[in-house]
Amino acid sequence: MTKLNRYELRNAVEKIDGYYLPRPHERNKTDAFERAKHECLASLRQQIHKIESVTFEQFTSKDSRK
């Protein structure tokens, strides 16, 4: 397991915390944490996939900018 410095740890915890909403059917906080971590990672993977699919032409088009 990778040793994180305090800033990296805080950043990772904040990302997981955005998905950490214990549900009634979850037996304990560990189950809720594991689900939240899984959902967070799935979301980040989707974001990476979307970023990887952007072409230079799309990046520089007027429609892609504010």
PDB file of N, CA and C in Angstrom:
ATOM      1  N   MET A   1       0.845  -1.178   0.000  1.00  0.00           N
ATOM      2  CA  MET A   1       0.000   0.000   0.000  1.00  0.00           C
ATOM      3  C   MET A   1       0.893   1.244   0.000  1.00  0.00           C
ATOM      4  N   THR A   2       0.500   2.225  -0.767  1.00  0.00           N
ATOM      5  CA  THR A   2       1.268   3.455  -0.904  1.00  0.00           C
ATOM      6  C   THR A   2       1.105   4.337   0.325  1.00  0.00           C
ATOM      7  N   LYS A   3       2.206   4.868   0.796  1.00  0.00           N
ATOM      8  CA  LYS A   3       2.185   5.810   1.918  1.00  0.00           C
ATOM      9  C   LYS A   3       1.884   7.198   1.360  1.00  0.00           C
ATOM     10  N   LEU A   4       0.817   7.803   1.829  1.00  0.00           N
ATOM     11  CA  LEU A   4       0.418   9.127   1.364  1.00  0.00           C
ATOM     12  C   LEU A   4       0.871  10.191   2.346  1.00  0.00           C
ATOM     13  N   ASN A   5       1.278  11.341   1.818  1.00  0.00           N
ATOM     14  CA  ASN A   5       1.548  12.450   2.729  1.00  0.00           C
ATOM     15  C   ASN A   5       0.202  13.035   3.157  1.00  0.00           C
ATOM     16  N   ARG A   6       0.214  13.942   4.084  1.00  0.00           N
ATOM     17  CA  ARG A   6      -1.047  14.432   4.661  1.00  0.00           C
ATOM     18  C   ARG A   6      -1.928  15.131   3.636  1.00  0.00           C
ATOM     19  N   TYR A   7      -1.342  15.773   2.644  1.00  0.00           N
ATOM     20  CA  TYR A   7      -2.128  16.464   1.619  1.00  0.00           C
ATOM     21  C   TYR A   7      -2.783  15.470   0.664  1.00  0.00           C
ATOM     22  N   GLU A   8      -2.028  14.455   0.275  1.00  0.00           N
ATOM     23  CA  GLU A   8      -2.568  13.416  -0.596  1.00  0.00           C
ATOM     24  C   GLU A   8      -3.681  12.653   0.115  1.00  0.00           C
ATOM     25  N   LEU A   9      -3.469  12.343   1.388  1.00  0.00           N
ATOM     26  CA  LEU A   9      -4.478  11.635   2.173  1.00  0.00           C
ATOM     27  C   LEU A   9      -5.745  12.467   2.284  1.00  0.00           C
ATOM     28  N   ARG A  10      -5.600  13.736   2.603  1.00  0.00           N
ATOM     29  CA  ARG A  10      -6.761  14.627   2.737  1.00  0.00           C
ATOM     30  C   ARG A  10      -7.544  14.689   1.429  1.00  0.00           C
ATOM     31  N   ASN A  11      -6.833  14.807   0.316  1.00  0.00           N
ATOM     32  CA  ASN A  11      -7.473  14.867  -0.991  1.00  0.00           C
ATOM     33  C   ASN A  11      -8.245  13.581  -1.281  1.00  0.00           C
ATOM     34  N   ALA A  12      -7.642  12.438  -1.024  1.00  0.00           N
ATOM     35  CA  ALA A  12      -8.296  11.151  -1.269  1.00  0.00           C
ATOM     36  C   ALA A  12      -9.518  10.973  -0.370  1.00  0.00           C
ATOM     37  N   VAL A  13      -9.373  11.327   0.902  1.00  0.00           N
ATOM     38  CA  VAL A  13     -10.481  11.201   1.857  1.00  0.00           C
ATOM     39  C   VAL A  13     -11.652  12.091   1.440  1.00  0.00           C
ATOM     40  N   GLU A  14     -11.366  13.307   0.998  1.00  0.00           N
ATOM     41  CA  GLU A  14     -12.434  14.216   0.573  1.00  0.00           C
ATOM     42  C   GLU A  14     -13.182  13.672  -0.638  1.00  0.00           C
ATOM     43  N   LYS A  15     -12.474  13.040  -1.557  1.00  0.00           N
ATOM     44  CA  LYS A  15     -13.122  12.454  -2.732  1.00  0.00           C
ATOM     45  C   LYS A  15     -14.057  11.317  -2.316  1.00  0.00           C
ATOM     46  N   ILE A  16     -13.575  10.424  -1.462  1.00  0.00           N
ATOM     47  CA  ILE A  16     -14.398   9.305  -0.998  1.00  0.00           C
ATOM     48  C   ILE A  16     -15.582   9.820  -0.196  1.00  0.00           C
ATOM     49  N   ASP A  17     -15.353  10.839   0.628  1.00  0.00           N
ATOM     50  CA  ASP A  17     -16.401  11.385   1.487  1.00  0.00           C
ATOM     51  C   ASP A  17     -17.599  11.882   0.685  1.00  0.00           C
ATOM     52  N   GLY A  18     -17.359  12.329  -0.538  1.00  0.00           N
ATOM     53  CA  GLY A  18     -18.458  12.778  -1.385  1.00  0.00           C
ATOM     54  C   GLY A  18     -19.444  11.667  -1.726  1.00  0.00           C
ATOM     55  N   TYR A  19     -19.025  10.426  -1.593  1.00  0.00           N
ATOM     56  CA  TYR A  19     -19.872   9.268  -1.892  1.00  0.00           C
ATOM     57  C   TYR A  19     -20.300   8.529  -0.626  1.00  0.00           C
ATOM     58  N   TYR A  20     -19.805   8.962   0.516  1.00  0.00           N
ATOM     59  CA  TYR A  20     -20.047   8.244   1.771  1.00  0.00           C
ATOM     60  C   TYR A  20     -21.342   8.721   2.417  1.00  0.00           C
ATOM     61  N   LEU A  21     -22.407   8.047   2.059  1.00  0.00           N
ATOM     62  CA  LEU A  21     -23.712   8.283   2.666  1.00  0.00           C
ATOM     63  C   LEU A  21     -24.255   6.909   3.048  1.00  0.00           C
ATOM     64  N   PRO A  22     -24.013   6.469   4.283  1.00  0.00           N
ATOM     65  CA  PRO A  22     -24.438   5.123   4.677  1.00  0.00           C
ATOM     66  C   PRO A  22     -25.918   4.887   4.381  1.00  0.00           C
ATOM     67  N   ARG A  23     -26.200   3.729   3.835  1.00  0.00           N
ATOM     68  CA  ARG A  23     -27.562   3.352   3.462  1.00  0.00           C
ATOM     69  C   ARG A  23     -28.109   2.383   4.498  1.00  0.00           C
ATOM     70  N   PRO A  24     -29.428   2.365   4.671  1.00  0.00           N
ATOM     71  CA  PRO A  24     -30.020   1.514   5.713  1.00  0.00           C
ATOM     72  C   PRO A  24     -29.639   0.035   5.603  1.00  0.00           C
ATOM     73  N   HIS A  25     -29.488  -0.478   4.387  1.00  0.00           N
ATOM     74  CA  HIS A  25     -29.195  -1.905   4.219  1.00  0.00           C
ATOM     75  C   HIS A  25     -27.730  -2.256   4.483  1.00  0.00           C
ATOM     76  N   GLU A  26     -26.869  -1.264   4.583  1.00  0.00           N
ATOM     77  CA  GLU A  26     -25.457  -1.554   4.833  1.00  0.00           C
ATOM     78  C   GLU A  26     -25.267  -1.923   6.300  1.00  0.00           C
ATOM     79  N   ARG A  27     -24.615  -3.057   6.511  1.00  0.00           N
ATOM     80  CA  ARG A  27     -24.502  -3.607   7.862  1.00  0.00           C
ATOM     81  C   ARG A  27     -23.679  -2.749   8.805  1.00  0.00           C
ATOM     82  N   ASN A  28     -22.660  -2.100   8.265  1.00  0.00           N
ATOM     83  CA  ASN A  28     -21.788  -1.315   9.136  1.00  0.00           C
ATOM     84  C   ASN A  28     -21.101  -0.217   8.328  1.00  0.00           C
ATOM     85  N   LYS A  29     -20.333   0.599   9.014  1.00  0.00           N
ATOM     86  CA  LYS A  29     -19.660   1.721   8.357  1.00  0.00           C
ATOM     87  C   LYS A  29     -18.586   1.256   7.382  1.00  0.00           C
ATOM     88  N   THR A  30     -18.007   0.101   7.646  1.00  0.00           N
ATOM     89  CA  THR A  30     -16.991  -0.435   6.734  1.00  0.00           C
ATOM     90  C   THR A  30     -17.605  -0.746   5.377  1.00  0.00           C
ATOM     91  N   ASP A  31     -18.803  -1.329   5.372  1.00  0.00           N
ATOM     92  CA  ASP A  31     -19.491  -1.611   4.108  1.00  0.00           C
ATOM     93  C   ASP A  31     -19.788  -0.317   3.360  1.00  0.00           C
ATOM     94  N   ALA A  32     -20.237   0.696   4.083  1.00  0.00           N
ATOM     95  CA  ALA A  32     -20.537   1.991   3.467  1.00  0.00           C
ATOM     96  C   ALA A  32     -19.268   2.617   2.894  1.00  0.00           C
ATOM     97  N   PHE A  33     -18.170   2.504   3.619  1.00  0.00           N
ATOM     98  CA  PHE A  33     -16.894   3.034   3.142  1.00  0.00           C
ATOM     99  C   PHE A  33     -16.445   2.321   1.872  1.00  0.00           C
ATOM    100  N   GLU A  34     -16.508   1.002   1.858  1.00  0.00           N
ATOM    101  CA  GLU A  34     -16.076   0.234   0.686  1.00  0.00           C
ATOM    102  C   GLU A  34     -16.930   0.576  -0.535  1.00  0.00           C
ATOM    103  N   ARG A  35     -18.237   0.740  -0.345  1.00  0.00           N
ATOM    104  CA  ARG A  35     -19.112   1.122  -1.447  1.00  0.00           C
ATOM    105  C   ARG A  35     -18.752   2.511  -1.939  1.00  0.00           C
ATOM    106  N   ALA A  36     -18.559   3.448  -1.018  1.00  0.00           N
ATOM    107  CA  ALA A  36     -18.216   4.824  -1.384  1.00  0.00           C
ATOM    108  C   ALA A  36     -16.897   4.870  -2.147  1.00  0.00           C
ATOM    109  N   LYS A  37     -15.926   4.116  -1.693  1.00  0.00           N
ATOM    110  CA  LYS A  37     -14.626   4.067  -2.360  1.00  0.00           C
ATOM    111  C   LYS A  37     -14.771   3.491  -3.771  1.00  0.00           C
ATOM    112  N   HIS A  38     -15.553   2.431  -3.901  1.00  0.00           N
ATOM    113  CA  HIS A  38     -15.790   1.809  -5.206  1.00  0.00           C
ATOM    114  C   HIS A  38     -16.487   2.788  -6.157  1.00  0.00           C
ATOM    115  N   GLU A  39     -17.510   3.483  -5.686  1.00  0.00           N
ATOM    116  CA  GLU A  39     -18.228   4.448  -6.519  1.00  0.00           C
ATOM    117  C   GLU A  39     -17.326   5.609  -6.923  1.00  0.00           C
ATOM    118  N   CYS A  40     -16.508   6.075  -6.006  1.00  0.00           N
ATOM    119  CA  CYS A  40     -15.573   7.163  -6.291  1.00  0.00           C
ATOM    120  C   CYS A  40     -14.592   6.746  -7.380  1.00  0.00           C
ATOM    121  N   LEU A  41     -14.020   5.565  -7.249  1.00  0.00           N
ATOM    122  CA  LEU A  41     -13.065   5.075  -8.247  1.00  0.00           C
ATOM    123  C   LEU A  41     -13.730   4.886  -9.607  1.00  0.00           C
ATOM    124  N   ALA A  42     -14.962   4.383  -9.619  1.00  0.00           N
ATOM    125  CA  ALA A  42     -15.681   4.209 -10.887  1.00  0.00           C
ATOM    126  C   ALA A  42     -15.903   5.556 -11.560  1.00  0.00           C
ATOM    127  N   SER A  43     -16.264   6.555 -10.786  1.00  0.00           N
ATOM    128  CA  SER A  43     -16.476   7.896 -11.327  1.00  0.00           C
ATOM    129  C   SER A  43     -15.182   8.479 -11.881  1.00  0.00           C
ATOM    130  N   LEU A  44     -14.094   8.306 -11.155  1.00  0.00           N
ATOM    131  CA  LEU A  44     -12.796   8.806 -11.621  1.00  0.00           C
ATOM    132  C   LEU A  44     -12.353   8.098 -12.902  1.00  0.00           C
ATOM    133  N   ARG A  45     -12.623   6.795 -12.993  1.00  0.00           N
ATOM    134  CA  ARG A  45     -12.277   6.057 -14.218  1.00  0.00           C
ATOM    135  C   ARG A  45     -13.074   6.585 -15.410  1.00  0.00           C
ATOM    136  N   GLN A  46     -14.357   6.883 -15.187  1.00  0.00           N
ATOM    137  CA  GLN A  46     -15.183   7.454 -16.259  1.00  0.00           C
ATOM    138  C   GLN A  46     -14.635   8.806 -16.693  1.00  0.00           C
ATOM    139  N   GLN A  47     -14.242   9.624 -15.735  1.00  0.00           N
ATOM    140  CA  GLN A  47     -13.671  10.931 -16.067  1.00  0.00           C
ATOM    141  C   GLN A  47     -12.388  10.776 -16.876  1.00  0.00           C
ATOM    142  N   ILE A  48     -11.533   9.846 -16.485  1.00  0.00           N
ATOM    143  CA  ILE A  48     -10.288   9.601 -17.219  1.00  0.00           C
ATOM    144  C   ILE A  48     -10.604   9.170 -18.646  1.00  0.00           C
ATOM    145  N   HIS A  49     -11.555   8.259 -18.800  1.00  0.00           N
ATOM    146  CA  HIS A  49     -11.938   7.783 -20.131  1.00  0.00           C
ATOM    147  C   HIS A  49     -12.419   8.948 -21.001  1.00  0.00           C
ATOM    148  N   LYS A  50     -13.234   9.813 -20.441  1.00  0.00           N
ATOM    149  CA  LYS A  50     -13.742  10.972 -21.190  1.00  0.00           C
ATOM    150  C   LYS A  50     -12.610  11.920 -21.563  1.00  0.00           C
ATOM    151  N   ILE A  51     -11.703  12.170 -20.643  1.00  0.00           N
ATOM    152  CA  ILE A  51     -10.567  13.056 -20.914  1.00  0.00           C
ATOM    153  C   ILE A  51      -9.684  12.462 -22.006  1.00  0.00           C
ATOM    154  N   GLU A  52      -9.435  11.165 -21.934  1.00  0.00           N
ATOM    155  CA  GLU A  52      -8.600  10.516 -22.949  1.00  0.00           C
ATOM    156  C   GLU A  52      -9.218  10.587 -24.340  1.00  0.00           C
ATOM    157  N   SER A  53     -10.536  10.661 -24.417  1.00  0.00           N
ATOM    158  CA  SER A  53     -11.199  10.663 -25.722  1.00  0.00           C
ATOM    159  C   SER A  53     -11.223  12.037 -26.392  1.00  0.00           C
ATOM    160  N   VAL A  54     -10.862  13.090 -25.668  1.00  0.00           N
ATOM    161  CA  VAL A  54     -10.874  14.439 -26.237  1.00  0.00           C
ATOM    162  C   VAL A  54      -9.708  14.591 -27.212  1.00  0.00           C
ATOM    163  N   THR A  55     -10.029  15.084 -28.408  1.00  0.00           N
ATOM    164  CA  THR A  55      -8.990  15.330 -29.411  1.00  0.00           C
ATOM    165  C   THR A  55      -8.511  16.777 -29.307  1.00  0.00           C
ATOM    166  N   PHE A  56      -7.398  17.055 -29.960  1.00  0.00           N
ATOM    167  CA  PHE A  56      -6.878  18.421 -29.983  1.00  0.00           C
ATOM    168  C   PHE A  56      -7.878  19.356 -30.659  1.00  0.00           C
ATOM    169  N   GLU A  57      -8.508  18.887 -31.713  1.00  0.00           N
ATOM    170  CA  GLU A  57      -9.499  19.703 -32.420  1.00  0.00           C
ATOM    171  C   GLU A  57     -10.672  20.053 -31.504  1.00  0.00           C
ATOM    172  N   GLN A  58     -11.135  19.086 -30.736  1.00  0.00           N
ATOM    173  CA  GLN A  58     -12.218  19.345 -29.785  1.00  0.00           C
ATOM    174  C   GLN A  58     -11.763  20.315 -28.703  1.00  0.00           C
ATOM    175  N   PHE A  59     -10.548  20.134 -28.238  1.00  0.00           N
ATOM    176  CA  PHE A  59      -9.997  20.984 -27.187  1.00  0.00           C
ATOM    177  C   PHE A  59      -9.905  22.439 -27.634  1.00  0.00           C
ATOM    178  N   THR A  60      -9.550  22.654 -28.881  1.00  0.00           N
ATOM    179  CA  THR A  60      -9.343  24.021 -29.375  1.00  0.00           C
ATOM    180  C   THR A  60     -10.579  24.630 -30.031  1.00  0.00           C
ATOM    181  N   SER A  61     -11.668  23.871 -30.137  1.00  0.00           N
ATOM    182  CA  SER A  61     -12.868  24.427 -30.774  1.00  0.00           C
ATOM    183  C   SER A  61     -13.523  25.464 -29.869  1.00  0.00           C
ATOM    184  N   LYS A  62     -14.187  26.418 -30.495  1.00  0.00           N
ATOM    185  CA  LYS A  62     -14.861  27.488 -29.749  1.00  0.00           C
ATOM    186  C   LYS A  62     -15.970  26.935 -28.860  1.00  0.00           C
ATOM    187  N   ASP A  63     -16.624  25.874 -29.307  1.00  0.00           N
ATOM    188  CA  ASP A  63     -17.739  25.303 -28.552  1.00  0.00           C
ATOM    189  C   ASP A  63     -17.308  24.637 -27.246  1.00  0.00           C
ATOM    190  N   SER A  64     -16.042  24.272 -27.136  1.00  0.00           N
ATOM    191  CA  SER A  64     -15.584  23.583 -25.928  1.00  0.00           C
ATOM    192  C   SER A  64     -15.127  24.542 -24.835  1.00  0.00           C
ATOM    193  N   ARG A  65     -15.039  25.796 -25.158  1.00  0.00           N
ATOM    194  CA  ARG A  65     -14.567  26.806 -24.195  1.00  0.00           C
ATOM    195  C   ARG A  65     -15.718  27.680 -23.736  1.00  0.00           C
ATOM    196  N   LYS A  66     -15.527  28.312 -22.606  1.00  0.00           N
ATOM    197  CA  LYS A  66     -16.542  29.220 -22.047  1.00  0.00           C
ATOM    198  C   LYS A  66     -16.615  30.490 -22.848  1.00  0.00           C
TER     199      LYS A  66
END
